[in-house]
Amino acid sequence: MALLMRDGRMSYTDLGKSTGLSTSAVHQRVRRLEERGVIRGYSAVVDHEAVGLPLTAFISIKPIDPSEPDDSPERLSGIQEIEACYSVAGDENYILKVRVGRPADLEDLLARIRSSANVSTRTTIVLSTAYENRPMTA
């Protein structure tokens, strides 16, 4: 798993060499992990600054009317700038990880989040990222 997390494009042959297993045994094990849902997919690591999304922020949300249904994730699912939605314990109900191009885009996004989900927000802007998406170690 650690090898695939570091390089999801690693060939079965190279995985076999690194683990001491045959190529067919590696292929079979990876296929079983995929079937069991342990491996849910493969993705590219994107340089967000290079694609025009250098501003990362975390937006904590909580409903304006707590008696309303807790359906914020569904209401916000169509907003593409939201990279992740975490249900959390504490004052807020969810924390959203978002990426936008500039502060004005963040301001627009906050207005859309507030109106779409009927929530109040608290925003933390990321100044720099020391590390992200670290692979698990064996």
Protein backbone atom coordinates (compact mmCIF):
# COMPACT_ATOMS: atom_id res chain seq x y z
CA MET A 1 0.00 0.00 0.00
CA ALA A 2 2.75 2.46 0.92
CA LEU A 3 4.42 1.96 -2.46
CA LEU A 4 1.19 2.58 -4.37
CA MET A 5 0.38 5.62 -2.25
CA ARG A 6 3.75 7.13 -3.15
CA ASP A 7 3.40 6.24 -6.84
CA GLY A 8 0.00 5.05 -8.06
CA ARG A 9 1.46 4.50 -11.53
CA MET A 10 4.09 1.99 -10.33
CA SER A 11 4.02 -1.09 -12.54
CA TYR A 12 3.15 -4.52 -11.18
CA THR A 13 6.68 -5.63 -12.15
CA ASP A 14 8.28 -2.84 -10.10
CA LEU A 15 5.92 -3.50 -7.19
CA GLY A 16 6.92 -7.17 -7.35
CA LYS A 17 10.62 -6.32 -7.31
CA SER A 18 10.14 -4.03 -4.31
CA THR A 19 8.06 -6.54 -2.34
CA GLY A 20 9.67 -9.81 -3.40
CA LEU A 21 6.44 -11.05 -5.02
CA SER A 22 5.80 -12.22 -8.56
CA THR A 23 4.12 -9.84 -11.00
CA SER A 24 1.01 -12.04 -11.11
CA ALA A 25 0.80 -12.18 -7.30
CA VAL A 26 1.05 -8.37 -7.11
CA HIS A 27 -1.61 -7.97 -9.79
CA GLN A 28 -3.93 -10.33 -7.91
CA ARG A 29 -3.39 -8.54 -4.57
CA VAL A 30 -3.95 -5.09 -6.06
CA ARG A 31 -7.12 -6.29 -7.80
CA ARG A 32 -8.44 -7.70 -4.49
CA LEU A 33 -7.68 -4.42 -2.72
CA GLU A 34 -9.60 -2.57 -5.43
CA GLU A 35 -12.54 -5.00 -5.20
CA ARG A 36 -12.70 -4.63 -1.40
CA GLY A 37 -12.67 -0.85 -1.72
CA VAL A 38 -9.35 -0.42 0.07
CA ILE A 39 -8.02 1.21 -3.10
CA ARG A 40 -10.81 3.48 -4.28
CA GLY A 41 -9.06 5.01 -7.26
CA TYR A 42 -5.96 6.63 -8.67
CA SER A 43 -5.40 10.33 -9.18
CA ALA A 44 -2.88 12.91 -10.32
CA VAL A 45 -1.17 15.27 -7.90
CA VAL A 46 -1.90 18.74 -9.27
CA ASP A 47 0.12 21.92 -8.80
CA HIS A 48 -2.80 24.18 -7.94
CA GLU A 49 -0.79 27.34 -8.47
CA ALA A 50 0.10 26.23 -12.00
CA VAL A 51 -3.61 25.77 -12.85
CA GLY A 52 -4.60 29.18 -11.48
CA LEU A 53 -5.86 28.16 -8.03
CA PRO A 54 -3.13 29.38 -5.66
CA LEU A 55 -5.42 30.43 -2.79
CA THR A 56 -6.43 27.66 -0.38
CA ALA A 57 -8.80 28.29 2.50
CA PHE A 58 -10.69 26.36 5.14
CA ILE A 59 -14.26 27.49 5.68
CA SER A 60 -16.05 26.38 8.83
CA ILE A 61 -19.83 26.39 8.49
CA LYS A 62 -22.77 26.05 10.83
CA PRO A 63 -26.48 26.35 10.12
CA ILE A 64 -28.20 29.64 10.79
CA ASP A 65 -31.28 27.66 11.91
CA PRO A 66 -30.14 24.49 13.75
CA SER A 67 -33.68 23.08 13.60
CA GLU A 68 -33.42 22.74 9.79
CA PRO A 69 -32.25 19.40 8.29
CA ASP A 70 -28.48 18.83 8.29
CA ASP A 71 -28.10 18.72 4.51
CA SER A 72 -25.25 21.16 3.90
CA PRO A 73 -23.03 18.60 2.10
CA GLU A 74 -25.80 17.87 -0.40
CA ARG A 75 -26.59 21.57 -0.90
CA LEU A 76 -22.92 22.37 -1.52
CA SER A 77 -21.95 19.33 -3.60
CA GLY A 78 -22.26 21.21 -6.91
CA ILE A 79 -19.80 23.96 -5.96
CA GLN A 80 -16.62 22.98 -7.77
CA GLU A 81 -14.25 25.12 -5.67
CA ILE A 82 -14.96 22.91 -2.65
CA GLU A 83 -12.28 20.22 -2.64
CA ALA A 84 -13.32 18.49 0.60
CA CYS A 85 -16.13 18.60 3.15
CA TYR A 86 -15.37 17.28 6.64
CA SER A 87 -18.01 16.68 9.33
CA VAL A 88 -16.45 17.87 12.58
CA ALA A 89 -17.10 18.10 16.31
CA GLY A 90 -17.06 21.54 17.89
CA ASP A 91 -18.84 24.83 17.28
CA GLU A 92 -19.15 24.31 13.53
CA ASN A 93 -20.77 21.37 11.76
CA TYR A 94 -18.46 21.12 8.75
CA ILE A 95 -15.12 22.37 7.53
CA LEU A 96 -14.71 22.90 3.80
CA LYS A 97 -11.35 22.91 2.03
CA VAL A 98 -11.55 25.24 -0.96
CA ARG A 99 -9.24 26.46 -3.73
CA VAL A 100 -9.71 29.66 -5.70
CA GLY A 101 -7.68 32.01 -7.85
CA ARG A 102 -7.81 35.25 -5.88
CA PRO A 103 -9.38 36.89 -2.81
CA ALA A 104 -12.31 38.26 -4.85
CA ASP A 105 -13.09 34.69 -5.93
CA LEU A 106 -13.09 33.62 -2.28
CA GLU A 107 -15.48 36.43 -1.42
CA ASP A 108 -17.83 35.30 -4.20
CA LEU A 109 -17.54 31.67 -3.08
CA LEU A 110 -18.41 32.59 0.52
CA ALA A 111 -21.57 34.34 -0.66
CA ARG A 112 -22.58 31.29 -2.71
CA ILE A 113 -21.92 28.92 0.21
CA ARG A 114 -23.94 31.07 2.63
CA SER A 115 -26.92 31.37 0.30
CA SER A 116 -26.86 27.75 -0.95
CA ALA A 117 -26.73 26.12 2.47
CA ASN A 118 -28.20 28.85 4.73
CA VAL A 119 -25.10 28.79 6.94
CA SER A 120 -22.78 31.17 8.70
CA THR A 121 -19.07 30.90 7.88
CA ARG A 122 -15.66 31.39 9.47
CA THR A 123 -12.72 31.42 7.08
CA THR A 124 -9.03 30.61 7.52
CA ILE A 125 -6.74 31.41 4.59
CA VAL A 126 -3.69 29.20 4.08
CA LEU A 127 -0.44 31.19 3.86
CA SER A 128 1.80 28.25 2.93
CA THR A 129 1.68 24.46 2.93
CA ALA A 130 4.58 22.56 4.49
CA TYR A 131 3.18 19.21 3.27
CA GLU A 132 -0.06 17.75 2.02
CA ASN A 133 -1.40 14.35 0.97
CA ARG A 134 1.44 12.53 2.69
CA PRO A 135 1.51 8.81 1.94
CA MET A 136 1.24 6.38 4.80
CA THR A 137 4.43 4.67 5.82
CA ALA A 138 4.73 0.95 6.23
